[in-house]
Amino acid sequence: MENTNVTFTVPVAGIDTLVKNRFAVPMPFILAGLCFFLVFCDFKCGDDKMASARGIQLVVGDSVETKSPFADALENLDETLGKSDETDFNQPKKQEIPANPWAAVAFVCAWLGAGLLFLPQRLGALGSAITGIAGFAGLLVLRSSAIEEAEAKLKMITVDFTFGFYLSLTCFAIGAILAFLRFWRMGVVAPAEQTEALAPQ
């Protein structure tokens, strides 16, 4: 029988090429930051959506228009009994959303992590990996704190986090991993390659 040795080098080579590229590795952090301009969460009463909030609104605080969960029923009642000019229950109301410090931490980490990766030193890659972990953790704390606060203060309201939130969370995780791999490569692989290149043939 012939001994056949199969070596899978393509995925490793692909990752190595990626982490060597100083302009490709920051992309997950940039995407994580851009996701804050998407809808992060919906506020619901039962199955009825009352309002939505983008990530950036959670960072700086804002007011959103809320729709009463009974708006459809009230509209039908208006059509049946005749709409009152004095009171309009169907008009959306403004609801203040306070700035969330954990959302702010994650937002800053996204852009800081991207910026640090443009530094040539290993500390830049290490700092970016740490900010990626901090941003990931910040979003998790944001999610849990928002859900707990809604359950404690708004008995009938639930908070559902949407695709934009989970996409940002995923980008933070990918960014932290790539930044750490870049840090490891700059300290282990790159010096070995330089030594090999300088060795006499």
Protein backbone atom coordinates (compact mmCIF):
# COMPACT_ATOMS: atom_id res chain seq x y z
CA MET A 1 0.00 0.00 0.00
CA GLU A 2 1.15 3.50 -0.76
CA ASN A 3 1.27 6.08 1.99
CA THR A 4 -0.51 9.22 0.89
CA ASN A 5 -0.01 12.35 2.96
CA VAL A 6 -2.63 14.99 2.40
CA THR A 7 -1.95 18.46 3.76
CA PHE A 8 -4.71 21.01 3.94
CA THR A 9 -2.89 24.30 3.47
CA VAL A 10 -5.37 26.40 1.53
CA PRO A 11 -7.54 27.63 4.45
CA VAL A 12 -4.49 28.41 6.60
CA ALA A 13 -2.79 30.19 3.73
CA GLY A 14 -5.97 32.15 3.08
CA ILE A 15 -6.23 33.27 6.71
CA ASP A 16 -2.53 34.12 6.80
CA THR A 17 -2.90 36.28 3.69
CA LEU A 18 -5.90 37.99 5.25
CA VAL A 19 -4.27 38.84 8.58
CA LYS A 20 -1.17 40.16 6.78
CA ASN A 21 -3.32 42.71 4.98
CA ARG A 22 -3.43 45.82 7.19
CA PHE A 23 -6.40 47.20 5.25
CA ALA A 24 -8.56 44.04 5.28
CA VAL A 25 -8.42 43.20 8.99
CA PRO A 26 -10.15 46.45 10.15
CA MET A 27 -13.19 45.82 7.94
CA PRO A 28 -15.17 43.82 10.56
CA PHE A 29 -14.77 46.70 13.01
CA ILE A 30 -15.89 49.23 10.40
CA LEU A 31 -18.94 47.08 9.60
CA ALA A 32 -19.69 46.75 13.33
CA GLY A 33 -19.70 50.55 13.59
CA LEU A 34 -21.87 51.01 10.50
CA CYS A 35 -24.41 48.53 11.90
CA PHE A 36 -25.25 51.11 14.57
CA PHE A 37 -27.11 53.04 11.88
CA LEU A 38 -29.44 50.06 11.42
CA VAL A 39 -32.40 49.17 13.62
CA PHE A 40 -31.11 47.47 16.76
CA CYS A 41 -34.32 46.68 18.59
CA ASP A 42 -38.11 46.71 18.42
CA PHE A 43 -40.39 47.57 21.34
CA LYS A 44 -43.46 45.37 21.33
CA CYS A 45 -46.65 44.88 23.27
CA GLY A 46 -47.53 41.30 22.60
CA ASP A 47 -47.18 40.84 18.86
CA ASP A 48 -47.75 44.53 18.06
CA LYS A 49 -44.66 46.64 17.38
CA MET A 50 -44.88 50.00 19.10
CA ALA A 51 -41.52 51.52 18.13
CA SER A 52 -38.03 50.77 16.80
CA ALA A 53 -34.65 52.19 17.76
CA ARG A 54 -31.43 52.32 15.76
CA GLY A 55 -28.13 51.61 17.44
CA ILE A 56 -26.98 55.22 17.19
CA GLN A 57 -30.14 56.33 18.99
CA LEU A 58 -29.17 54.09 21.90
CA VAL A 59 -25.69 55.65 21.87
CA VAL A 60 -26.66 59.34 22.01
CA GLY A 61 -30.26 59.15 23.23
CA ASP A 62 -33.22 60.23 21.12
CA SER A 63 -36.98 60.30 20.92
CA VAL A 64 -38.96 57.81 18.87
CA GLU A 65 -42.55 57.76 17.74
CA THR A 66 -44.58 55.11 19.54
CA LYS A 67 -47.81 53.65 18.30
CA SER A 68 -50.45 52.49 20.72
CA PRO A 69 -51.02 48.73 20.56
CA PHE A 70 -54.74 49.52 20.52
CA ALA A 71 -54.45 51.95 17.59
CA ASP A 72 -56.06 49.61 15.08
CA ALA A 73 -59.00 48.89 17.37
CA LEU A 74 -59.44 52.59 18.13
CA GLU A 75 -59.35 53.40 14.43
CA ASN A 76 -62.15 50.94 13.78
CA LEU A 77 -64.07 52.46 16.69
CA ASP A 78 -63.61 55.93 15.22
CA GLU A 79 -64.99 54.76 11.90
CA THR A 80 -68.00 53.22 13.62
CA LEU A 81 -68.87 56.01 16.06
CA GLY A 82 -67.46 58.97 14.21
CA LYS A 83 -64.02 60.43 14.83
CA SER A 84 -63.73 62.98 17.58
CA ASP A 85 -61.99 66.24 16.73
CA GLU A 86 -60.97 66.83 20.33
CA THR A 87 -59.12 63.55 21.04
CA ASP A 88 -57.14 61.42 18.63
CA PHE A 89 -55.85 58.28 20.28
CA ASN A 90 -54.27 57.07 17.07
CA GLN A 91 -51.72 59.86 16.81
CA PRO A 92 -48.18 58.59 17.47
CA LYS A 93 -46.51 59.91 20.59
CA LYS A 94 -42.89 60.82 21.25
CA GLN A 95 -41.06 58.58 23.68
CA GLU A 96 -37.65 59.55 25.00
CA ILE A 97 -34.88 56.93 24.82
CA PRO A 98 -32.00 57.73 27.19
CA ALA A 99 -28.42 57.23 26.07
CA ASN A 100 -27.10 53.80 27.04
CA PRO A 101 -23.46 53.77 28.24
CA TRP A 102 -22.91 50.19 27.01
CA ALA A 103 -24.07 51.12 23.53
CA ALA A 104 -21.63 54.06 23.61
CA VAL A 105 -18.79 51.77 24.71
CA ALA A 106 -19.45 49.36 21.87
CA PHE A 107 -19.72 52.16 19.30
CA VAL A 108 -16.41 53.69 20.37
CA CYS A 109 -14.75 50.26 20.40
CA ALA A 110 -15.80 49.65 16.79
CA TRP A 111 -13.98 52.70 15.43
CA LEU A 112 -11.09 52.51 17.90
CA GLY A 113 -10.50 48.87 16.99
CA ALA A 114 -10.39 49.74 13.31
CA GLY A 115 -8.00 52.64 13.86
CA LEU A 116 -5.55 50.68 16.00
CA LEU A 117 -5.08 48.09 13.26
CA PHE A 118 -3.53 50.70 10.98
CA LEU A 119 -0.62 51.00 13.39
CA PRO A 120 2.40 48.94 12.33
CA GLN A 121 3.32 47.82 15.85
CA ARG A 122 2.11 44.63 17.51
CA LEU A 123 0.54 46.69 20.29
CA GLY A 124 -1.90 48.10 17.76
CA ALA A 125 -3.13 44.62 16.85
CA LEU A 126 -3.32 43.61 20.52
CA GLY A 127 -5.22 46.77 21.42
CA SER A 128 -7.63 46.14 18.56
CA ALA A 129 -8.25 42.58 19.76
CA ILE A 130 -9.00 43.90 23.26
CA THR A 131 -11.39 46.56 21.94
CA GLY A 132 -13.12 43.89 19.86
CA ILE A 133 -13.73 41.82 22.98
CA ALA A 134 -14.87 44.94 24.86
CA GLY A 135 -17.29 45.87 22.07
CA PHE A 136 -18.67 42.32 21.96
CA ALA A 137 -19.15 42.32 25.73
CA GLY A 138 -20.69 45.80 25.65
CA LEU A 139 -23.39 44.69 23.23
CA LEU A 140 -24.19 41.63 25.34
CA VAL A 141 -24.55 43.79 28.46
CA LEU A 142 -26.66 46.27 26.47
CA ARG A 143 -29.01 43.47 25.45
CA SER A 144 -29.39 41.98 28.92
CA SER A 145 -29.78 45.35 30.66
CA ALA A 146 -32.41 46.55 28.15
CA ILE A 147 -34.44 43.37 28.55
CA GLU A 148 -34.22 43.48 32.37
CA GLU A 149 -35.18 47.16 32.47
CA ALA A 150 -38.17 46.59 30.20
CA GLU A 151 -39.36 43.71 32.38
CA ALA A 152 -38.93 45.76 35.56
CA LYS A 153 -40.39 49.12 34.47
CA LEU A 154 -42.58 48.35 31.47
CA LYS A 155 -44.60 45.33 32.44
CA MET A 156 -46.38 44.91 29.11
CA ILE A 157 -43.47 45.90 26.85
CA THR A 158 -40.85 43.52 25.49
CA VAL A 159 -37.62 44.37 23.68
CA ASP A 160 -36.68 42.28 20.64
CA PHE A 161 -33.20 42.78 19.22
CA THR A 162 -32.99 42.62 15.45
CA PHE A 163 -30.63 41.62 12.65
CA GLY A 164 -28.60 44.85 12.84
CA PHE A 165 -27.68 44.17 16.47
CA TYR A 166 -26.63 40.57 15.86
CA LEU A 167 -24.69 41.52 12.74
CA SER A 168 -22.69 44.06 14.75
CA LEU A 169 -22.12 41.46 17.47
CA THR A 170 -20.81 38.97 14.90
CA CYS A 171 -18.52 41.57 13.33
CA PHE A 172 -17.00 42.33 16.74
CA ALA A 173 -16.26 38.64 17.27
CA ILE A 174 -14.67 38.25 13.83
CA GLY A 175 -12.69 41.45 14.24
CA ALA A 176 -11.30 40.41 17.62
CA ILE A 177 -10.21 37.02 16.27
CA LEU A 178 -8.52 38.48 13.20
CA ALA A 179 -6.79 41.16 15.28
CA PHE A 180 -5.43 38.54 17.67
CA LEU A 181 -4.21 36.41 14.76
CA ARG A 182 -2.48 39.46 13.32
CA PHE A 183 -0.87 40.14 16.71
CA TRP A 184 0.32 36.52 16.93
CA ARG A 185 1.63 36.52 13.37
CA MET A 186 3.60 39.74 13.85
CA GLY A 187 5.34 38.22 16.87
CA VAL A 188 5.90 34.63 15.75
CA VAL A 189 5.47 34.06 12.03
CA ALA A 190 6.91 37.32 10.69
CA PRO A 191 10.24 37.11 12.59
CA ALA A 192 10.61 33.47 11.52
CA GLU A 193 10.10 34.47 7.89
CA GLN A 194 12.70 37.23 8.22
CA THR A 195 15.24 34.82 9.77
CA GLU A 196 14.65 32.31 7.01
CA ALA A 197 15.11 34.97 4.36
CA LEU A 198 18.44 36.08 5.87
CA ALA A 199 19.79 32.56 6.33
CA PRO A 200 22.64 31.58 3.92
CA GLN A 201 21.52 29.40 1.06
